[in-house]
């Protein structure tokens, strides 16, 4: 007892066949073109409204005036720079009291003689610079005065010449 079923087939009401153009007329296909036209009109209106309310920009005479002021300011700046350079070149160095004392010390033959130091066990150039110069960073002066390339190679009993800066 098997029943066979016939597949479903929709009935065609009133013998109407599918017609694409007739379907769009029923669904309002022309409404789409109306919306496109309305959108175009809205964009045109927004453009015109923007143009009417936009500022006109700067007036050409005002722009020329500002450019002339800028040019004058640049020329004035250049002139001031030249004046400053000339003033710096014309300025004479001011002699300080320390410079005068140094010149007097150079004229004194007793202080012009370099002082020597004999290296002891455990001495370093920095330690010698600290003791005699008052500043351990002047170890390079002592090394240069004595032609020492490697500060770690000091020999016990070696005589070092101390620069005038350390003995003065």
N, C-alpha and C. Protein backbone atom coordinates (compact mmCIF):
# COMPACT_ATOMS: atom_id res chain seq x y z
N UNK A 1 0.76 -1.15 0.00
CA UNK A 1 0.00 0.00 0.00
C UNK A 1 0.84 1.28 0.00
N UNK A 2 1.34 1.51 -0.98
CA UNK A 2 2.14 2.71 -1.11
C UNK A 2 1.38 3.71 -1.94
N UNK A 3 1.36 4.87 -1.40
CA UNK A 3 0.73 5.96 -2.13
C UNK A 3 1.82 6.78 -2.80
N UNK A 4 1.60 7.16 -3.96
CA UNK A 4 2.55 8.03 -4.64
C UNK A 4 1.97 9.43 -4.67
N UNK A 5 2.86 10.32 -4.38
CA UNK A 5 2.43 11.72 -4.36
C UNK A 5 2.98 12.43 -5.58
N UNK A 6 2.17 13.24 -6.07
CA UNK A 6 2.54 14.05 -7.22
C UNK A 6 3.30 15.27 -6.69
N UNK A 7 4.45 15.66 -7.33
CA UNK A 7 5.17 16.84 -6.83
C UNK A 7 4.31 18.09 -6.97
N UNK A 8 4.62 19.07 -6.07
CA UNK A 8 3.83 20.30 -6.02
C UNK A 8 4.17 21.17 -7.20
N UNK A 9 3.17 21.64 -7.85
CA UNK A 9 3.32 22.59 -8.93
C UNK A 9 2.31 23.68 -8.69
N UNK A 10 2.80 24.94 -8.55
CA UNK A 10 1.84 26.02 -8.29
C UNK A 10 0.96 26.23 -9.50
N UNK A 11 -0.19 26.63 -9.21
CA UNK A 11 -1.12 26.89 -10.30
C UNK A 11 -0.87 28.28 -10.84
N UNK A 12 -1.03 28.44 -12.12
CA UNK A 12 -0.85 29.73 -12.76
C UNK A 12 -2.19 30.43 -12.77
N UNK A 13 -2.34 31.46 -11.89
CA UNK A 13 -3.66 32.10 -11.84
C UNK A 13 -3.92 32.87 -13.12
N UNK A 14 -5.00 32.64 -13.66
CA UNK A 14 -5.51 33.33 -14.85
C UNK A 14 -4.55 33.23 -16.01
N UNK A 15 -3.75 32.20 -16.06
CA UNK A 15 -2.88 31.99 -17.21
C UNK A 15 -1.80 33.06 -17.34
N UNK A 16 -1.41 33.72 -16.24
CA UNK A 16 -0.44 34.80 -16.28
C UNK A 16 0.95 34.24 -16.29
N UNK A 17 1.73 34.56 -17.28
CA UNK A 17 3.12 34.15 -17.31
C UNK A 17 3.99 35.29 -16.78
N UNK A 18 5.17 34.94 -16.31
CA UNK A 18 6.06 35.93 -15.71
C UNK A 18 6.59 36.86 -16.77
N UNK A 19 6.39 38.13 -16.54
CA UNK A 19 6.88 39.17 -17.45
C UNK A 19 7.67 40.16 -16.61
N UNK A 20 8.96 40.29 -16.86
CA UNK A 20 9.84 41.12 -16.02
C UNK A 20 9.40 42.57 -16.01
N UNK A 21 9.06 43.11 -17.13
CA UNK A 21 8.67 44.51 -17.18
C UNK A 21 7.35 44.75 -16.48
N UNK A 22 6.45 43.86 -16.63
CA UNK A 22 5.16 43.99 -15.96
C UNK A 22 5.35 43.88 -14.45
N UNK A 23 6.30 43.03 -14.01
CA UNK A 23 6.55 42.88 -12.58
C UNK A 23 7.09 44.17 -12.00
N UNK A 24 8.03 44.82 -12.70
CA UNK A 24 8.60 46.06 -12.18
C UNK A 24 7.57 47.17 -12.15
N UNK A 25 6.67 47.19 -13.08
CA UNK A 25 5.62 48.21 -13.04
C UNK A 25 4.74 47.99 -11.83
N UNK A 26 4.45 46.76 -11.52
CA UNK A 26 3.62 46.49 -10.35
C UNK A 26 4.38 46.83 -9.06
N UNK A 27 5.69 46.60 -9.00
CA UNK A 27 6.46 46.82 -7.79
C UNK A 27 6.94 48.26 -7.68
N UNK A 28 6.73 49.07 -8.63
CA UNK A 28 7.13 50.48 -8.55
C UNK A 28 8.56 50.71 -8.98
N UNK A 29 9.01 50.16 -10.07
CA UNK A 29 10.38 50.32 -10.56
C UNK A 29 10.72 51.76 -10.87
N UNK A 30 9.73 52.56 -11.16
CA UNK A 30 9.98 53.95 -11.48
C UNK A 30 10.30 54.76 -10.21
N UNK A 31 9.98 54.25 -9.08
CA UNK A 31 10.27 54.94 -7.82
C UNK A 31 11.78 55.05 -7.64
N UNK A 32 12.53 54.07 -8.11
CA UNK A 32 13.98 54.10 -8.00
C UNK A 32 14.55 55.32 -8.71
N UNK A 33 14.09 55.61 -9.91
CA UNK A 33 14.57 56.78 -10.64
C UNK A 33 14.17 58.07 -9.95
N UNK A 34 13.08 58.06 -9.33
CA UNK A 34 12.65 59.24 -8.57
C UNK A 34 13.58 59.50 -7.39
N UNK A 35 14.02 58.42 -6.74
CA UNK A 35 14.95 58.58 -5.61
C UNK A 35 16.31 59.08 -6.09
N UNK A 36 16.78 58.59 -7.24
CA UNK A 36 18.05 59.04 -7.80
C UNK A 36 17.97 60.52 -8.14
N UNK A 37 16.86 60.94 -8.73
CA UNK A 37 16.68 62.34 -9.07
C UNK A 37 16.64 63.21 -7.81
N UNK A 38 15.96 62.74 -6.76
CA UNK A 38 15.88 63.47 -5.51
C UNK A 38 17.28 63.59 -4.86
N UNK A 39 18.06 62.55 -4.91
CA UNK A 39 19.42 62.59 -4.37
C UNK A 39 20.28 63.60 -5.14
N UNK A 40 20.18 63.58 -6.46
CA UNK A 40 20.93 64.53 -7.28
C UNK A 40 20.54 65.96 -6.97
N UNK A 41 19.27 66.20 -6.81
CA UNK A 41 18.79 67.54 -6.48
C UNK A 41 19.32 67.97 -5.10
N UNK A 42 19.33 67.06 -4.15
CA UNK A 42 19.84 67.37 -2.81
C UNK A 42 21.33 67.72 -2.85
N UNK A 43 22.10 66.98 -3.63
CA UNK A 43 23.52 67.29 -3.76
C UNK A 43 23.75 68.64 -4.42
N UNK A 44 22.99 68.94 -5.44
CA UNK A 44 23.10 70.23 -6.11
C UNK A 44 22.75 71.37 -5.16
N UNK A 45 21.71 71.18 -4.37
CA UNK A 45 21.30 72.19 -3.39
C UNK A 45 22.39 72.39 -2.33
N UNK A 46 23.00 71.30 -1.85
CA UNK A 46 24.07 71.41 -0.86
C UNK A 46 25.27 72.14 -1.44
N UNK A 47 25.62 71.86 -2.69
CA UNK A 47 26.72 72.54 -3.34
C UNK A 47 26.48 74.03 -3.46
N UNK A 48 25.30 74.38 -3.93
CA UNK A 48 24.98 75.80 -4.09
C UNK A 48 24.93 76.52 -2.75
N UNK A 49 24.38 75.88 -1.73
CA UNK A 49 24.32 76.47 -0.40
C UNK A 49 25.74 76.71 0.13
N UNK A 50 26.65 75.76 -0.10
CA UNK A 50 28.04 75.91 0.33
C UNK A 50 28.73 77.06 -0.38
N UNK A 51 28.48 77.20 -1.66
CA UNK A 51 29.09 78.30 -2.42
C UNK A 51 28.58 79.66 -1.96
N UNK A 52 27.29 79.75 -1.64
CA UNK A 52 26.71 81.02 -1.23
C UNK A 52 27.19 81.45 0.15
N UNK A 53 27.43 80.49 1.03
CA UNK A 53 27.80 80.84 2.40
C UNK A 53 29.30 80.88 2.62
N UNK A 54 30.11 80.45 1.64
CA UNK A 54 31.57 80.43 1.80
C UNK A 54 32.10 81.85 1.74
N UNK A 55 33.22 82.06 2.48
CA UNK A 55 33.86 83.37 2.46
C UNK A 55 34.55 83.60 1.13
N UNK A 56 34.82 84.84 0.83
CA UNK A 56 35.44 85.19 -0.44
C UNK A 56 36.95 85.11 -0.43
N UNK A 57 37.58 84.81 0.71
CA UNK A 57 39.04 84.76 0.77
C UNK A 57 39.60 86.15 1.00
N UNK A 58 40.92 86.27 0.93
CA UNK A 58 41.58 87.55 1.17
C UNK A 58 41.51 88.43 -0.08
N UNK A 59 41.42 89.70 0.17
CA UNK A 59 41.41 90.68 -0.91
C UNK A 59 42.83 90.78 -1.46
N UNK A 60 42.99 90.94 -2.77
CA UNK A 60 44.32 90.99 -3.38
C UNK A 60 45.15 92.15 -2.86
N UNK A 61 44.55 93.30 -2.62
CA UNK A 61 45.30 94.44 -2.10
C UNK A 61 45.81 94.16 -0.69
N UNK A 62 44.99 93.48 0.11
CA UNK A 62 45.42 93.14 1.47
C UNK A 62 46.55 92.11 1.42
N UNK A 63 46.46 91.16 0.49
CA UNK A 63 47.50 90.15 0.34
C UNK A 63 48.82 90.80 -0.07
N UNK A 64 48.79 91.76 -1.00
CA UNK A 64 50.00 92.46 -1.41
C UNK A 64 50.60 93.24 -0.25
N UNK A 65 49.75 93.84 0.58
CA UNK A 65 50.23 94.61 1.73
C UNK A 65 50.96 93.70 2.72
N UNK A 66 50.41 92.53 3.00
CA UNK A 66 51.04 91.59 3.93
C UNK A 66 52.36 91.08 3.36
N UNK A 67 52.41 90.82 2.07
CA UNK A 67 53.66 90.36 1.45
C UNK A 67 54.74 91.44 1.52
N UNK A 68 54.36 92.70 1.34
CA UNK A 68 55.32 93.81 1.44
C UNK A 68 55.85 93.92 2.87
N UNK A 69 54.98 93.76 3.87
CA UNK A 69 55.41 93.80 5.27
C UNK A 69 56.39 92.66 5.56
N UNK A 70 56.11 91.47 5.02
CA UNK A 70 56.99 90.33 5.21
C UNK A 70 58.36 90.59 4.60
N UNK A 71 58.38 91.14 3.40
CA UNK A 71 59.64 91.44 2.73
C UNK A 71 60.44 92.47 3.53
N UNK A 72 59.77 93.50 4.05
CA UNK A 72 60.46 94.52 4.86
C UNK A 72 61.02 93.91 6.14
N UNK A 73 60.26 93.01 6.76
CA UNK A 73 60.73 92.37 8.00
C UNK A 73 61.94 91.49 7.72
N UNK A 74 61.95 90.78 6.58
CA UNK A 74 63.10 89.95 6.24
C UNK A 74 64.34 90.80 5.99
N UNK A 75 64.19 91.94 5.32
CA UNK A 75 65.32 92.84 5.07
C UNK A 75 65.85 93.40 6.39
N UNK A 76 64.95 93.76 7.29
CA UNK A 76 65.36 94.29 8.60
C UNK A 76 66.10 93.21 9.39
N UNK A 77 65.62 91.99 9.33
CA UNK A 77 66.28 90.89 10.02
C UNK A 77 67.69 90.66 9.48
N UNK A 78 67.84 90.73 8.17
CA UNK A 78 69.16 90.56 7.56
C UNK A 78 70.11 91.69 7.97
N UNK A 79 69.61 92.91 8.02
CA UNK A 79 70.43 94.06 8.43
C UNK A 79 70.86 93.92 9.88
N UNK A 80 69.94 93.50 10.75
CA UNK A 80 70.28 93.31 12.16
C UNK A 80 71.32 92.20 12.32
N UNK A 81 71.21 91.15 11.53
CA UNK A 81 72.20 90.07 11.60
C UNK A 81 73.57 90.57 11.18
N UNK A 82 73.65 91.42 10.15
CA UNK A 82 74.93 91.99 9.72
C UNK A 82 75.50 92.91 10.80
N UNK A 83 74.64 93.71 11.44
CA UNK A 83 75.09 94.60 12.51
C UNK A 83 75.64 93.80 13.69
N UNK A 84 74.97 92.70 14.03
CA UNK A 84 75.43 91.86 15.13
C UNK A 84 76.78 91.24 14.81
N UNK A 85 76.95 90.76 13.60
CA UNK A 85 78.22 90.17 13.21
C UNK A 85 79.34 91.20 13.26
N UNK A 86 79.08 92.40 12.79
CA UNK A 86 80.08 93.47 12.82
C UNK A 86 80.42 93.86 14.25
N UNK A 87 79.43 93.92 15.12
CA UNK A 87 79.66 94.28 16.52
C UNK A 87 80.49 93.21 17.23
N UNK A 88 80.23 91.95 16.93
CA UNK A 88 81.00 90.88 17.55
C UNK A 88 82.44 90.89 17.07
N UNK A 89 82.66 91.22 15.80
CA UNK A 89 84.01 91.27 15.26
C UNK A 89 84.79 92.45 15.83
N UNK A 90 84.10 93.56 16.09
CA UNK A 90 84.75 94.77 16.60
C UNK A 90 85.02 94.72 18.10
N UNK A 91 84.33 93.86 18.80
CA UNK A 91 84.48 93.79 20.26
C UNK A 91 85.88 93.28 20.59
N UNK A 92 86.54 93.98 21.54
CA UNK A 92 87.87 93.58 21.97
C UNK A 92 87.73 92.69 23.20
N UNK A 93 88.61 91.70 23.33
CA UNK A 93 88.53 90.86 24.53
C UNK A 93 88.88 91.67 25.78
N UNK A 94 88.11 91.47 26.81
CA UNK A 94 88.30 92.19 28.06
C UNK A 94 89.33 91.42 28.90
N UNK A 95 90.33 92.15 29.41
CA UNK A 95 91.36 91.50 30.21
C UNK A 95 90.87 91.34 31.63
N UNK A 96 90.95 90.12 32.12
CA UNK A 96 90.50 89.84 33.48
C UNK A 96 91.70 89.90 34.42
N UNK A 97 91.46 90.09 35.70
CA UNK A 97 92.58 90.13 36.65
C UNK A 97 93.37 88.83 36.66
N UNK A 98 92.73 87.68 36.45
CA UNK A 98 93.44 86.40 36.44
C UNK A 98 94.42 86.34 35.27
N UNK A 99 94.04 86.89 34.12
CA UNK A 99 94.92 86.89 32.97
C UNK A 99 96.15 87.74 33.23
N UNK A 100 96.00 88.87 33.92
CA UNK A 100 97.14 89.73 34.24
C UNK A 100 98.07 89.02 35.21
N UNK A 101 97.54 88.30 36.18
CA UNK A 101 98.37 87.58 37.14
C UNK A 101 99.15 86.47 36.44
N UNK A 102 98.54 85.81 35.46
CA UNK A 102 99.22 84.75 34.72
C UNK A 102 100.37 85.33 33.90
N UNK A 103 100.16 86.50 33.31
CA UNK A 103 101.24 87.14 32.55
C UNK A 103 102.40 87.51 33.45
N UNK A 104 102.13 88.00 34.66
CA UNK A 104 103.19 88.35 35.60
C UNK A 104 103.95 87.11 36.02
N UNK A 105 103.26 85.99 36.21
CA UNK A 105 103.91 84.76 36.62
C UNK A 105 104.82 84.23 35.52
N UNK A 106 104.44 84.43 34.27
CA UNK A 106 105.27 83.97 33.16
C UNK A 106 106.55 84.79 33.07
N UNK A 107 106.50 86.05 33.51
CA UNK A 107 107.68 86.91 33.47
C UNK A 107 108.66 86.54 34.58
N UNK A 108 108.19 85.92 35.66
CA UNK A 108 109.03 85.57 36.80
C UNK A 108 109.80 84.29 36.48
N UNK A 109 111.14 84.34 36.41
CA UNK A 109 111.91 83.17 36.03
C UNK A 109 111.88 82.07 37.07
N UNK A 110 111.65 82.38 38.33
CA UNK A 110 111.66 81.35 39.37
C UNK A 110 110.48 80.40 39.19
N UNK A 111 109.33 80.90 38.76
CA UNK A 111 108.16 80.06 38.60
C UNK A 111 108.09 79.42 37.21
N UNK A 112 108.91 79.85 36.30
CA UNK A 112 108.90 79.33 34.95
C UNK A 112 109.56 77.95 34.88
N UNK A 113 110.39 77.59 35.87
CA UNK A 113 111.05 76.30 35.85
C UNK A 113 110.04 75.20 36.14
N UNK A 114 110.06 74.14 35.34
CA UNK A 114 109.11 73.04 35.60
C UNK A 114 109.55 72.27 36.85
N UNK A 115 108.57 71.78 37.56
CA UNK A 115 108.81 70.99 38.76
C UNK A 115 108.78 69.52 38.38
N UNK A 116 109.57 68.71 39.04
CA UNK A 116 109.60 67.28 38.73
C UNK A 116 109.08 66.50 39.93
N UNK A 117 108.64 65.28 39.64
CA UNK A 117 108.16 64.37 40.68
C UNK A 117 108.68 62.98 40.34
N UNK A 118 109.19 62.30 41.35
CA UNK A 118 109.69 60.94 41.16
C UNK A 118 108.57 59.97 41.51
N UNK A 119 108.26 59.06 40.59
CA UNK A 119 107.17 58.12 40.76
C UNK A 119 107.49 57.14 41.88
N UNK A 120 106.55 56.95 42.79
CA UNK A 120 106.68 56.02 43.91
C UNK A 120 105.82 54.78 43.63
N UNK A 121 106.03 53.76 44.41
CA UNK A 121 105.25 52.53 44.26
C UNK A 121 103.78 52.83 44.54
N UNK A 122 102.87 52.39 43.65
CA UNK A 122 101.42 52.59 43.82
C UNK A 122 100.90 53.90 43.24
N UNK A 123 101.78 54.75 42.68
CA UNK A 123 101.34 56.02 42.09
C UNK A 123 100.62 55.79 40.77
N UNK A 124 99.64 56.64 40.52
CA UNK A 124 98.96 56.68 39.22
C UNK A 124 98.99 58.12 38.74
N UNK A 125 98.80 58.31 37.45
CA UNK A 125 98.78 59.67 36.92
C UNK A 125 97.63 60.47 37.52
N UNK A 126 96.50 59.84 37.72
CA UNK A 126 95.35 60.55 38.33
C UNK A 126 95.67 60.97 39.76
N UNK A 127 96.32 60.09 40.50
CA UNK A 127 96.68 60.41 41.88
C UNK A 127 97.68 61.56 41.92
N UNK A 128 98.67 61.54 41.04
CA UNK A 128 99.66 62.62 40.98
C UNK A 128 98.98 63.93 40.59
N UNK A 129 98.05 63.87 39.61
CA UNK A 129 97.32 65.07 39.19
C UNK A 129 96.47 65.61 40.33
N UNK A 130 95.87 64.73 41.11
CA UNK A 130 95.06 65.16 42.25
C UNK A 130 95.95 65.84 43.31
N UNK A 131 97.11 65.27 43.57
CA UNK A 131 98.00 65.79 44.62
C UNK A 131 98.60 67.14 44.22
N UNK A 132 99.12 67.24 43.00
CA UNK A 132 99.86 68.44 42.62
C UNK A 132 99.02 69.48 41.87
N UNK A 133 98.02 69.03 41.13
CA UNK A 133 97.20 69.96 40.34
C UNK A 133 95.87 70.26 41.00
N UNK A 134 95.47 69.40 41.91
CA UNK A 134 94.18 69.61 42.58
C UNK A 134 93.00 69.07 41.79
N UNK A 135 93.26 68.44 40.65
CA UNK A 135 92.18 67.91 39.82
C UNK A 135 92.66 66.64 39.13
N UNK A 136 92.04 65.48 39.41
CA UNK A 136 92.51 64.24 38.79
C UNK A 136 92.31 64.21 37.28
N UNK A 137 91.46 65.07 36.75
CA UNK A 137 91.21 65.07 35.30
C UNK A 137 92.35 65.73 34.53
N UNK A 138 93.31 66.32 35.24
CA UNK A 138 94.47 66.92 34.57
C UNK A 138 95.58 65.91 34.33
N UNK A 139 95.28 64.63 34.51
CA UNK A 139 96.28 63.59 34.26
C UNK A 139 96.72 63.57 32.80
N UNK A 140 95.85 63.99 31.90
CA UNK A 140 96.22 64.05 30.49
C UNK A 140 97.31 65.10 30.25
N UNK A 141 97.30 66.21 31.00
CA UNK A 141 98.34 67.22 30.86
C UNK A 141 99.71 66.66 31.26
N UNK A 142 99.73 65.93 32.36
CA UNK A 142 100.99 65.33 32.81
C UNK A 142 101.48 64.31 31.79
N UNK A 143 100.55 63.49 31.26
CA UNK A 143 100.93 62.50 30.26
C UNK A 143 101.47 63.17 29.01
N UNK A 144 100.84 64.25 28.56
CA UNK A 144 101.31 64.96 27.36
C UNK A 144 102.66 65.62 27.61
N UNK A 145 102.87 66.16 28.78
CA UNK A 145 104.13 66.83 29.13
C UNK A 145 105.30 65.85 29.11
N UNK A 146 105.02 64.58 29.45
CA UNK A 146 106.08 63.59 29.56
C UNK A 146 106.09 62.57 28.42
N UNK A 147 105.19 62.74 27.44
CA UNK A 147 105.15 61.83 26.28
C UNK A 147 104.72 60.43 26.66
N UNK A 148 103.83 60.31 27.61
CA UNK A 148 103.35 59.00 28.06
C UNK A 148 102.11 58.64 27.24
N UNK A 149 102.18 57.51 26.53
CA UNK A 149 101.04 57.06 25.73
C UNK A 149 100.11 56.18 26.55
N UNK A 150 100.67 55.34 27.42
CA UNK A 150 99.88 54.42 28.23
C UNK A 150 100.08 54.77 29.70
N UNK A 151 99.04 55.30 30.34
CA UNK A 151 99.15 55.77 31.72
C UNK A 151 99.36 54.64 32.71
N UNK A 152 99.13 53.40 32.31
CA UNK A 152 99.31 52.28 33.23
C UNK A 152 100.77 51.81 33.27
N UNK A 153 101.60 52.33 32.42
CA UNK A 153 103.00 51.89 32.34
C UNK A 153 103.96 52.87 33.02
N UNK A 154 103.63 53.29 34.25
CA UNK A 154 104.54 54.15 35.01
C UNK A 154 105.58 53.27 35.69
N UNK A 155 106.82 53.71 35.69
CA UNK A 155 107.90 52.95 36.33
C UNK A 155 108.30 53.64 37.63
N UNK A 156 108.51 52.85 38.69
CA UNK A 156 108.94 53.39 39.96
C UNK A 156 110.32 54.02 39.78
N UNK A 157 110.48 55.25 40.29
CA UNK A 157 111.75 55.97 40.18
C UNK A 157 111.81 56.87 38.96
N UNK A 158 110.83 56.81 38.09
CA UNK A 158 110.80 57.65 36.89
C UNK A 158 110.50 59.09 37.32
N UNK A 159 111.20 60.06 36.73
CA UNK A 159 110.97 61.47 37.02
C UNK A 159 109.97 62.02 36.01
N UNK A 160 108.92 62.65 36.53
CA UNK A 160 107.89 63.25 35.68
C UNK A 160 107.98 64.76 35.79
N UNK A 161 107.86 65.43 34.64
CA UNK A 161 107.78 66.90 34.63
C UNK A 161 106.32 67.27 34.86
N UNK A 162 106.07 68.14 35.82
CA UNK A 162 104.71 68.59 36.08
C UNK A 162 104.47 69.86 35.30
N UNK A 163 103.33 69.99 34.63
CA UNK A 163 103.05 71.19 33.84
C UNK A 163 102.98 72.43 34.73
N UNK A 164 103.21 73.59 34.15
CA UNK A 164 103.18 74.87 34.89
C UNK A 164 101.81 75.08 35.52
N UNK A 165 100.76 74.55 34.92
CA UNK A 165 99.41 74.71 35.47
C UNK A 165 99.29 74.03 36.83
N UNK A 166 100.07 72.97 37.06
CA UNK A 166 100.01 72.24 38.30
C UNK A 166 100.91 72.85 39.38
N UNK A 167 101.97 73.50 38.98
CA UNK A 167 102.91 74.01 39.95
C UNK A 167 102.64 75.45 40.33
N UNK A 168 101.77 76.14 39.58
CA UNK A 168 101.54 77.57 39.81
C UNK A 168 100.63 77.89 40.89
